[in-house]
């Protein structure tokens, strides 16, 4: 039979829907306030009102009193000797080229971009259906068909 109980519990870790106490996970009930959820942190003990369902699953309704908080200091040590220092940018001057691309060069560039897009799309498309051994050949076959379609051949 479902009932509510008062109990002192200590939070060991948080989970997606609640927290862990001992070997058991306790979920938040629908009645718990956001302020009470914020009090539930690892290492904290508090008196809680718990709803115990017929199945035995426990849900936190309310945080009544904080009993103690973890006083374990968190020691964060930095090893500065291993810190990577920023290196200054190279001070080389890049001269702009005054070259103009020809129509043929633009066409080649467009073809390379289309090919790269088709290969990427083909690998993603066949990755879930192909075996690792067949992935490359399946993707290549699909990419070639896609490239023919894109180029109107």
Protein backbone atom coordinates (compact mmCIF):
# COMPACT_ATOMS: atom_id res chain seq x y z
CA UNK A 1 0.00 0.00 0.00
CA UNK A 2 1.33 3.44 -0.95
CA UNK A 3 2.28 5.77 1.87
CA UNK A 4 4.56 8.66 2.82
CA UNK A 5 7.46 8.38 5.23
CA UNK A 6 9.98 10.75 6.80
CA UNK A 7 13.57 9.64 6.61
CA UNK A 8 17.09 11.08 6.85
CA UNK A 9 18.92 10.33 3.62
CA UNK A 10 22.36 11.12 2.22
CA UNK A 11 22.71 11.87 -1.49
CA UNK A 12 25.55 9.96 -3.15
CA UNK A 13 25.11 11.03 -6.77
CA UNK A 14 22.62 12.73 -9.05
CA UNK A 15 20.85 11.06 -11.95
CA UNK A 16 18.63 12.31 -14.75
CA UNK A 17 15.39 11.98 -12.78
CA UNK A 18 16.56 11.99 -9.16
CA UNK A 19 19.46 10.82 -7.05
CA UNK A 20 21.16 7.76 -5.57
CA UNK A 21 20.94 6.75 -1.91
CA UNK A 22 22.94 3.62 -1.07
CA UNK A 23 22.22 1.10 -3.80
CA UNK A 24 18.83 2.62 -4.67
CA UNK A 25 17.79 5.46 -6.95
CA UNK A 26 15.10 7.83 -5.67
CA UNK A 27 13.17 9.86 -8.22
CA UNK A 28 11.64 13.29 -7.75
CA UNK A 29 7.86 13.25 -7.34
CA UNK A 30 5.57 15.54 -9.29
CA UNK A 31 4.87 17.55 -6.12
CA UNK A 32 8.49 18.58 -5.41
CA UNK A 33 9.36 22.23 -5.85
CA UNK A 34 12.31 23.48 -7.87
CA UNK A 35 13.74 25.03 -4.69
CA UNK A 36 13.78 21.61 -3.03
CA UNK A 37 15.40 20.03 -6.10
CA UNK A 38 18.20 22.60 -5.83
CA UNK A 39 18.97 21.41 -2.27
CA UNK A 40 19.63 17.87 -3.47
CA UNK A 41 23.37 17.72 -4.16
CA UNK A 42 25.93 14.95 -3.69
CA UNK A 43 27.27 14.71 -0.13
CA UNK A 44 24.28 16.43 1.52
CA UNK A 45 22.15 14.73 4.16
CA UNK A 46 18.64 15.92 4.85
CA UNK A 47 15.35 14.89 6.37
CA UNK A 48 12.99 14.06 3.55
CA UNK A 49 9.36 13.30 2.99
CA UNK A 50 9.24 10.33 0.65
CA UNK A 51 6.29 8.84 -1.18
CA UNK A 52 6.57 5.05 -1.35
CA UNK A 53 4.53 3.56 -4.19
CA UNK A 54 2.87 0.13 -4.12
CA UNK A 55 5.76 -1.19 -6.20
CA UNK A 56 8.24 -0.08 -3.52
CA UNK A 57 9.69 2.70 -5.65
CA UNK A 58 10.46 5.83 -3.61
CA UNK A 59 9.88 9.43 -4.71
CA UNK A 60 11.04 12.62 -2.97
CA UNK A 61 8.09 14.89 -2.15
CA UNK A 62 9.80 17.49 0.01
CA UNK A 63 13.13 18.38 1.66
CA UNK A 64 12.26 19.10 5.29
CA UNK A 65 15.56 19.94 7.05
CA UNK A 66 19.17 19.92 5.95
CA UNK A 67 21.13 17.80 8.39
CA UNK A 68 24.69 18.35 7.21
CA UNK A 69 26.65 19.20 4.15
CA UNK A 70 29.77 17.57 2.93
CA UNK A 71 32.78 19.31 4.40
CA UNK A 72 35.26 17.46 2.23
CA UNK A 73 37.38 20.15 0.61
CA UNK A 74 37.81 19.96 -3.10
CA UNK A 75 41.49 20.10 -3.95
CA UNK A 76 42.17 21.28 -7.45
CA UNK A 77 45.82 21.44 -8.30
CA UNK A 78 47.19 23.02 -11.42
CA UNK A 79 50.51 22.03 -12.85
CA UNK A 80 51.60 25.28 -14.41
CA UNK A 81 54.81 23.82 -15.79
CA UNK A 82 52.75 21.75 -18.23
CA UNK A 83 50.60 24.65 -19.33
CA UNK A 84 50.90 25.37 -23.02
CA UNK A 85 51.86 28.94 -23.66
CA UNK A 86 50.45 30.77 -26.62
CA UNK A 87 52.93 31.24 -29.40
CA UNK A 88 52.92 34.49 -31.32
CA UNK A 89 51.55 34.42 -34.80
CA UNK A 90 54.06 34.24 -37.56
CA UNK A 91 54.80 37.66 -38.84
CA UNK A 92 55.03 36.76 -42.47
CA UNK A 93 53.26 38.89 -44.96
CA UNK A 94 51.09 37.12 -47.44
CA UNK A 95 50.90 38.98 -50.66
CA UNK A 96 47.56 38.88 -52.40
CA UNK A 97 47.66 37.30 -55.79
CA UNK A 98 46.16 39.29 -58.57
CA UNK A 99 45.33 36.17 -60.51
CA UNK A 100 41.81 35.75 -61.79
CA UNK A 101 40.33 32.28 -61.98
CA UNK A 102 39.24 31.15 -65.40
CA UNK A 103 35.88 29.56 -66.12
CA UNK A 104 37.56 26.16 -66.37
CA UNK A 105 39.17 26.60 -62.94
CA UNK A 106 35.82 27.59 -61.45
CA UNK A 107 34.19 24.55 -63.06
CA UNK A 108 36.89 22.26 -61.61
CA UNK A 109 36.44 23.83 -58.19
CA UNK A 110 32.65 23.40 -58.37
CA UNK A 111 33.12 19.74 -59.37
CA UNK A 112 35.43 19.12 -56.39
CA UNK A 113 32.94 20.72 -54.00
CA UNK A 114 30.07 18.66 -55.46
CA UNK A 115 32.14 15.47 -55.24
CA UNK A 116 33.01 16.14 -51.58
CA UNK A 117 29.38 16.80 -50.72
CA UNK A 118 28.19 13.66 -52.51
CA UNK A 119 30.82 11.50 -50.80
CA UNK A 120 29.93 12.87 -47.37
CA UNK A 121 26.20 12.38 -47.93
CA UNK A 122 26.71 8.88 -49.34
CA UNK A 123 28.83 7.72 -46.40
CA UNK A 124 26.22 8.98 -43.94
CA UNK A 125 23.41 7.37 -45.92
CA UNK A 126 24.92 3.89 -46.20
CA UNK A 127 26.71 3.79 -42.83
CA UNK A 128 23.73 2.29 -40.99
CA UNK A 129 22.97 -0.29 -43.67
CA UNK A 130 26.43 -1.47 -44.76
CA UNK A 131 28.88 -3.73 -43.05
CA UNK A 132 32.26 -2.13 -42.24
CA UNK A 133 33.86 -4.16 -45.04
CA UNK A 134 31.35 -2.96 -47.65
CA UNK A 135 31.00 0.65 -46.45
CA UNK A 136 33.56 2.19 -48.81
CA UNK A 137 32.37 0.40 -51.95
CA UNK A 138 28.68 1.07 -51.18
CA UNK A 139 29.36 4.74 -50.44
CA UNK A 140 31.48 5.11 -53.58
CA UNK A 141 28.76 3.59 -55.76
CA UNK A 142 26.09 5.86 -54.25
CA UNK A 143 28.31 8.95 -54.44
CA UNK A 144 28.97 8.35 -58.15
CA UNK A 145 25.23 8.04 -58.82
CA UNK A 146 24.56 11.21 -56.84
CA UNK A 147 27.33 13.08 -58.66
CA UNK A 148 25.90 12.05 -62.03
CA UNK A 149 22.50 13.34 -60.94
CA UNK A 150 23.96 16.62 -59.62
CA UNK A 151 25.92 17.21 -62.83
CA UNK A 152 22.95 16.30 -65.03
CA UNK A 153 24.55 13.34 -66.76
